[in-house]
Amino acid sequence: MGIKMIILGLILLIIGLLVGMGLLTTIGGILILVGAILWILGATGRAVGGRKHFF
């Protein structure tokens, strides 16, 4: 789930920068940040969202 959020955030960030929409850029940045946090927590073995493994 973390990797998918990072990829979606990158896509939204790029589209937001190309089109000039600040809202898409902001949402993309937030998704990248949250996805990175979830990915790191999942990689350390911590249970995130009731799961020990993120797929």
PDB file of N, CA and C in Angstrom:
ATOM      1  N   MET A   1       0.819  -1.184   0.000  1.00  0.00           N
ATOM      2  CA  MET A   1       0.000   0.000   0.000  1.00  0.00           C
ATOM      3  C   MET A   1       0.868   1.255   0.000  1.00  0.00           C
ATOM      4  N   GLY A   2       2.004   1.202   0.665  1.00  0.00           N
ATOM      5  CA  GLY A   2       2.874   2.371   0.726  1.00  0.00           C
ATOM      6  C   GLY A   2       3.451   2.747  -0.624  1.00  0.00           C
ATOM      7  N   ILE A   3       3.880   1.724  -1.382  1.00  0.00           N
ATOM      8  CA  ILE A   3       4.454   1.976  -2.707  1.00  0.00           C
ATOM      9  C   ILE A   3       3.396   2.540  -3.650  1.00  0.00           C
ATOM     10  N   LYS A   4       2.174   2.008  -3.563  1.00  0.00           N
ATOM     11  CA  LYS A   4       1.093   2.490  -4.429  1.00  0.00           C
ATOM     12  C   LYS A   4       0.774   3.949  -4.140  1.00  0.00           C
ATOM     13  N   MET A   5       0.806   4.323  -2.871  1.00  0.00           N
ATOM     14  CA  MET A   5       0.532   5.718  -2.514  1.00  0.00           C
ATOM     15  C   MET A   5       1.644   6.633  -3.014  1.00  0.00           C
ATOM     16  N   ILE A   6       2.882   6.165  -2.957  1.00  0.00           N
ATOM     17  CA  ILE A   6       3.998   6.972  -3.440  1.00  0.00           C
ATOM     18  C   ILE A   6       3.877   7.171  -4.949  1.00  0.00           C
ATOM     19  N   ILE A   7       3.550   6.113  -5.681  1.00  0.00           N
ATOM     20  CA  ILE A   7       3.411   6.213  -7.139  1.00  0.00           C
ATOM     21  C   ILE A   7       2.252   7.135  -7.498  1.00  0.00           C
ATOM     22  N   LEU A   8       1.103   6.979  -6.826  1.00  0.00           N
ATOM     23  CA  LEU A   8      -0.036   7.858  -7.079  1.00  0.00           C
ATOM     24  C   LEU A   8       0.307   9.305  -6.749  1.00  0.00           C
ATOM     25  N   GLY A   9       1.031   9.513  -5.657  1.00  0.00           N
ATOM     26  CA  GLY A   9       1.446  10.868  -5.285  1.00  0.00           C
ATOM     27  C   GLY A   9       2.359  11.487  -6.316  1.00  0.00           C
ATOM     28  N   LEU A  10       3.304  10.691  -6.856  1.00  0.00           N
ATOM     29  CA  LEU A  10       4.192  11.202  -7.903  1.00  0.00           C
ATOM     30  C   LEU A  10       3.419  11.595  -9.155  1.00  0.00           C
ATOM     31  N   ILE A  11       2.454  10.749  -9.539  1.00  0.00           N
ATOM     32  CA  ILE A  11       1.647  11.053 -10.725  1.00  0.00           C
ATOM     33  C   ILE A  11       0.870  12.344 -10.520  1.00  0.00           C
ATOM     34  N   LEU A  12       0.217  12.476  -9.366  1.00  0.00           N
ATOM     35  CA  LEU A  12      -0.541  13.697  -9.100  1.00  0.00           C
ATOM     36  C   LEU A  12       0.359  14.919  -9.001  1.00  0.00           C
ATOM     37  N   LEU A  13       1.540  14.740  -8.428  1.00  0.00           N
ATOM     38  CA  LEU A  13       2.480  15.847  -8.308  1.00  0.00           C
ATOM     39  C   LEU A  13       2.925  16.329  -9.689  1.00  0.00           C
ATOM     40  N   ILE A  14       3.256  15.407 -10.568  1.00  0.00           N
ATOM     41  CA  ILE A  14       3.698  15.770 -11.917  1.00  0.00           C
ATOM     42  C   ILE A  14       2.570  16.425 -12.702  1.00  0.00           C
ATOM     43  N   ILE A  15       1.362  15.851 -12.620  1.00  0.00           N
ATOM     44  CA  ILE A  15       0.221  16.449 -13.325  1.00  0.00           C
ATOM     45  C   ILE A  15      -0.064  17.840 -12.774  1.00  0.00           C
ATOM     46  N   GLY A  16      -0.010  17.976 -11.454  1.00  0.00           N
ATOM     47  CA  GLY A  16      -0.255  19.285 -10.847  1.00  0.00           C
ATOM     48  C   GLY A  16       0.759  20.327 -11.263  1.00  0.00           C
ATOM     49  N   LEU A  17       2.025  19.922 -11.397  1.00  0.00           N
ATOM     50  CA  LEU A  17       3.054  20.871 -11.834  1.00  0.00           C
ATOM     51  C   LEU A  17       2.897  21.229 -13.309  1.00  0.00           C
ATOM     52  N   LEU A  18       2.549  20.242 -14.143  1.00  0.00           N
ATOM     53  CA  LEU A  18       2.394  20.504 -15.575  1.00  0.00           C
ATOM     54  C   LEU A  18       1.178  21.376 -15.866  1.00  0.00           C
ATOM     55  N   VAL A  19       0.077  21.120 -15.168  1.00  0.00           N
ATOM     56  CA  VAL A  19      -1.162  21.856 -15.412  1.00  0.00           C
ATOM     57  C   VAL A  19      -1.176  23.176 -14.655  1.00  0.00           C
ATOM     58  N   GLY A  20      -0.448  23.231 -13.559  1.00  0.00           N
ATOM     59  CA  GLY A  20      -0.411  24.458 -12.770  1.00  0.00           C
ATOM     60  C   GLY A  20      -1.468  24.500 -11.686  1.00  0.00           C
ATOM     61  N   MET A  21      -1.950  23.327 -11.278  1.00  0.00           N
ATOM     62  CA  MET A  21      -2.963  23.271 -10.225  1.00  0.00           C
ATOM     63  C   MET A  21      -2.283  23.003  -8.889  1.00  0.00           C
ATOM     64  N   GLY A  22      -2.349  23.956  -8.003  1.00  0.00           N
ATOM     65  CA  GLY A  22      -1.714  23.838  -6.710  1.00  0.00           C
ATOM     66  C   GLY A  22      -2.330  22.755  -5.841  1.00  0.00           C
ATOM     67  N   LEU A  23      -3.636  22.532  -6.004  1.00  0.00           N
ATOM     68  CA  LEU A  23      -4.317  21.520  -5.198  1.00  0.00           C
ATOM     69  C   LEU A  23      -3.788  20.124  -5.512  1.00  0.00           C
ATOM     70  N   LEU A  24      -3.617  19.790  -6.784  1.00  0.00           N
ATOM     71  CA  LEU A  24      -3.081  18.479  -7.160  1.00  0.00           C
ATOM     72  C   LEU A  24      -1.647  18.315  -6.667  1.00  0.00           C
ATOM     73  N   THR A  25      -0.876  19.373  -6.744  1.00  0.00           N
ATOM     74  CA  THR A  25       0.506  19.320  -6.271  1.00  0.00           C
ATOM     75  C   THR A  25       0.552  19.065  -4.764  1.00  0.00           C
ATOM     76  N   THR A  26      -0.324  19.727  -4.022  1.00  0.00           N
ATOM     77  CA  THR A  26      -0.371  19.545  -2.572  1.00  0.00           C
ATOM     78  C   THR A  26      -0.812  18.128  -2.204  1.00  0.00           C
ATOM     79  N   ILE A  27      -1.862  17.641  -2.854  1.00  0.00           N
ATOM     80  CA  ILE A  27      -2.349  16.293  -2.574  1.00  0.00           C
ATOM     81  C   ILE A  27      -1.280  15.264  -2.936  1.00  0.00           C
ATOM     82  N   GLY A  28      -0.603  15.468  -4.049  1.00  0.00           N
ATOM     83  CA  GLY A  28       0.470  14.563  -4.450  1.00  0.00           C
ATOM     84  C   GLY A  28       1.595  14.527  -3.433  1.00  0.00           C
ATOM     85  N   GLY A  29       1.983  15.675  -2.927  1.00  0.00           N
ATOM     86  CA  GLY A  29       3.037  15.732  -1.912  1.00  0.00           C
ATOM     87  C   GLY A  29       2.635  15.040  -0.621  1.00  0.00           C
ATOM     88  N   ILE A  30       1.381  15.230  -0.224  1.00  0.00           N
ATOM     89  CA  ILE A  30       0.894  14.576   0.997  1.00  0.00           C
ATOM     90  C   ILE A  30       0.870  13.061   0.820  1.00  0.00           C
ATOM     91  N   LEU A  31       0.416  12.588  -0.348  1.00  0.00           N
ATOM     92  CA  LEU A  31       0.385  11.151  -0.600  1.00  0.00           C
ATOM     93  C   LEU A  31       1.787  10.550  -0.610  1.00  0.00           C
ATOM     94  N   ILE A  32       2.742  11.270  -1.164  1.00  0.00           N
ATOM     95  CA  ILE A  32       4.126  10.776  -1.159  1.00  0.00           C
ATOM     96  C   ILE A  32       4.630  10.661   0.276  1.00  0.00           C
ATOM     97  N   LEU A  33       4.365  11.654   1.088  1.00  0.00           N
ATOM     98  CA  LEU A  33       4.823  11.650   2.481  1.00  0.00           C
ATOM     99  C   LEU A  33       4.172  10.522   3.286  1.00  0.00           C
ATOM    100  N   VAL A  34       2.856  10.378   3.183  1.00  0.00           N
ATOM    101  CA  VAL A  34       2.154   9.329   3.921  1.00  0.00           C
ATOM    102  C   VAL A  34       2.577   7.950   3.426  1.00  0.00           C
ATOM    103  N   GLY A  35       2.711   7.799   2.106  1.00  0.00           N
ATOM    104  CA  GLY A  35       3.150   6.524   1.555  1.00  0.00           C
ATOM    105  C   GLY A  35       4.539   6.140   2.021  1.00  0.00           C
ATOM    106  N   ALA A  36       5.439   7.113   2.104  1.00  0.00           N
ATOM    107  CA  ALA A  36       6.797   6.832   2.568  1.00  0.00           C
ATOM    108  C   ALA A  36       6.792   6.417   4.044  1.00  0.00           C
ATOM    109  N   ILE A  37       5.973   7.074   4.846  1.00  0.00           N
ATOM    110  CA  ILE A  37       5.889   6.725   6.265  1.00  0.00           C
ATOM    111  C   ILE A  37       5.348   5.304   6.433  1.00  0.00           C
ATOM    112  N   LEU A  38       4.278   4.969   5.690  1.00  0.00           N
ATOM    113  CA  LEU A  38       3.716   3.623   5.786  1.00  0.00           C
ATOM    114  C   LEU A  38       4.694   2.569   5.293  1.00  0.00           C
ATOM    115  N   TRP A  39       5.433   2.898   4.245  1.00  0.00           N
ATOM    116  CA  TRP A  39       6.405   1.956   3.698  1.00  0.00           C
ATOM    117  C   TRP A  39       7.520   1.682   4.712  1.00  0.00           C
ATOM    118  N   ILE A  40       8.005   2.746   5.357  1.00  0.00           N
ATOM    119  CA  ILE A  40       9.072   2.594   6.349  1.00  0.00           C
ATOM    120  C   ILE A  40       8.569   1.815   7.561  1.00  0.00           C
ATOM    121  N   LEU A  41       7.373   2.129   8.045  1.00  0.00           N
ATOM    122  CA  LEU A  41       6.833   1.399   9.187  1.00  0.00           C
ATOM    123  C   LEU A  41       6.599  -0.069   8.853  1.00  0.00           C
ATOM    124  N   GLY A  42       6.119  -0.336   7.650  1.00  0.00           N
ATOM    125  CA  GLY A  42       5.908  -1.720   7.239  1.00  0.00           C
ATOM    126  C   GLY A  42       7.217  -2.476   7.091  1.00  0.00           C
ATOM    127  N   ALA A  43       8.265  -1.800   6.644  1.00  0.00           N
ATOM    128  CA  ALA A  43       9.564  -2.455   6.450  1.00  0.00           C
ATOM    129  C   ALA A  43      10.249  -2.767   7.780  1.00  0.00           C
ATOM    130  N   THR A  44       9.926  -2.001   8.820  1.00  0.00           N
ATOM    131  CA  THR A  44      10.548  -2.247  10.112  1.00  0.00           C
ATOM    132  C   THR A  44       9.845  -3.344  10.889  1.00  0.00           C
ATOM    133  N   GLY A  45       8.735  -3.845  10.369  1.00  0.00           N
ATOM    134  CA  GLY A  45       8.027  -4.932  11.024  1.00  0.00           C
ATOM    135  C   GLY A  45       6.954  -4.491  11.985  1.00  0.00           C
ATOM    136  N   ARG A  46       6.706  -3.200  12.053  1.00  0.00           N
ATOM    137  CA  ARG A  46       5.640  -2.715  12.932  1.00  0.00           C
ATOM    138  C   ARG A  46       4.292  -3.011  12.308  1.00  0.00           C
ATOM    139  N   ALA A  47       3.320  -3.322  13.134  1.00  0.00           N
ATOM    140  CA  ALA A  47       1.965  -3.567  12.644  1.00  0.00           C
ATOM    141  C   ALA A  47       1.318  -2.228  12.282  1.00  0.00           C
ATOM    142  N   VAL A  48       0.952  -2.061  11.023  1.00  0.00           N
ATOM    143  CA  VAL A  48       0.331  -0.826  10.557  1.00  0.00           C
ATOM    144  C   VAL A  48      -1.071  -1.174  10.077  1.00  0.00           C
ATOM    145  N   GLY A  49      -2.058  -0.553  10.683  1.00  0.00           N
ATOM    146  CA  GLY A  49      -3.443  -0.835  10.294  1.00  0.00           C
ATOM    147  C   GLY A  49      -3.873  -2.246  10.657  1.00  0.00           C
ATOM    148  N   GLY A  50      -3.307  -2.788  11.712  1.00  0.00           N
ATOM    149  CA  GLY A  50      -3.687  -4.119  12.142  1.00  0.00           C
ATOM    150  C   GLY A  50      -2.975  -5.250  11.401  1.00  0.00           C
ATOM    151  N   ARG A  51      -2.035  -4.908  10.518  1.00  0.00           N
ATOM    152  CA  ARG A  51      -1.310  -5.918   9.749  1.00  0.00           C
ATOM    153  C   ARG A  51       0.178  -5.829  10.054  1.00  0.00           C
ATOM    154  N   LYS A  52       0.816  -6.977  10.050  1.00  0.00           N
ATOM    155  CA  LYS A  52       2.255  -6.969  10.229  1.00  0.00           C
ATOM    156  C   LYS A  52       2.979  -6.831   8.903  1.00  0.00           C
ATOM    157  N   HIS A  53       2.333  -7.191   7.807  1.00  0.00           N
ATOM    158  CA  HIS A  53       2.963  -7.139   6.492  1.00  0.00           C
ATOM    159  C   HIS A  53       2.093  -6.315   5.555  1.00  0.00           C
ATOM    160  N   PHE A  54       2.719  -5.452   4.799  1.00  0.00           N
ATOM    161  CA  PHE A  54       2.026  -4.683   3.777  1.00  0.00           C
ATOM    162  C   PHE A  54       2.267  -5.298   2.431  1.00  0.00           C
ATOM    163  N   PHE A  55       1.204  -5.551   1.709  1.00  0.00           N
ATOM    164  CA  PHE A  55       1.342  -6.104   0.363  1.00  0.00           C
ATOM    165  C   PHE A  55       0.771  -5.148  -0.628  1.00  0.00           C
TER     166      PHE A  55
END
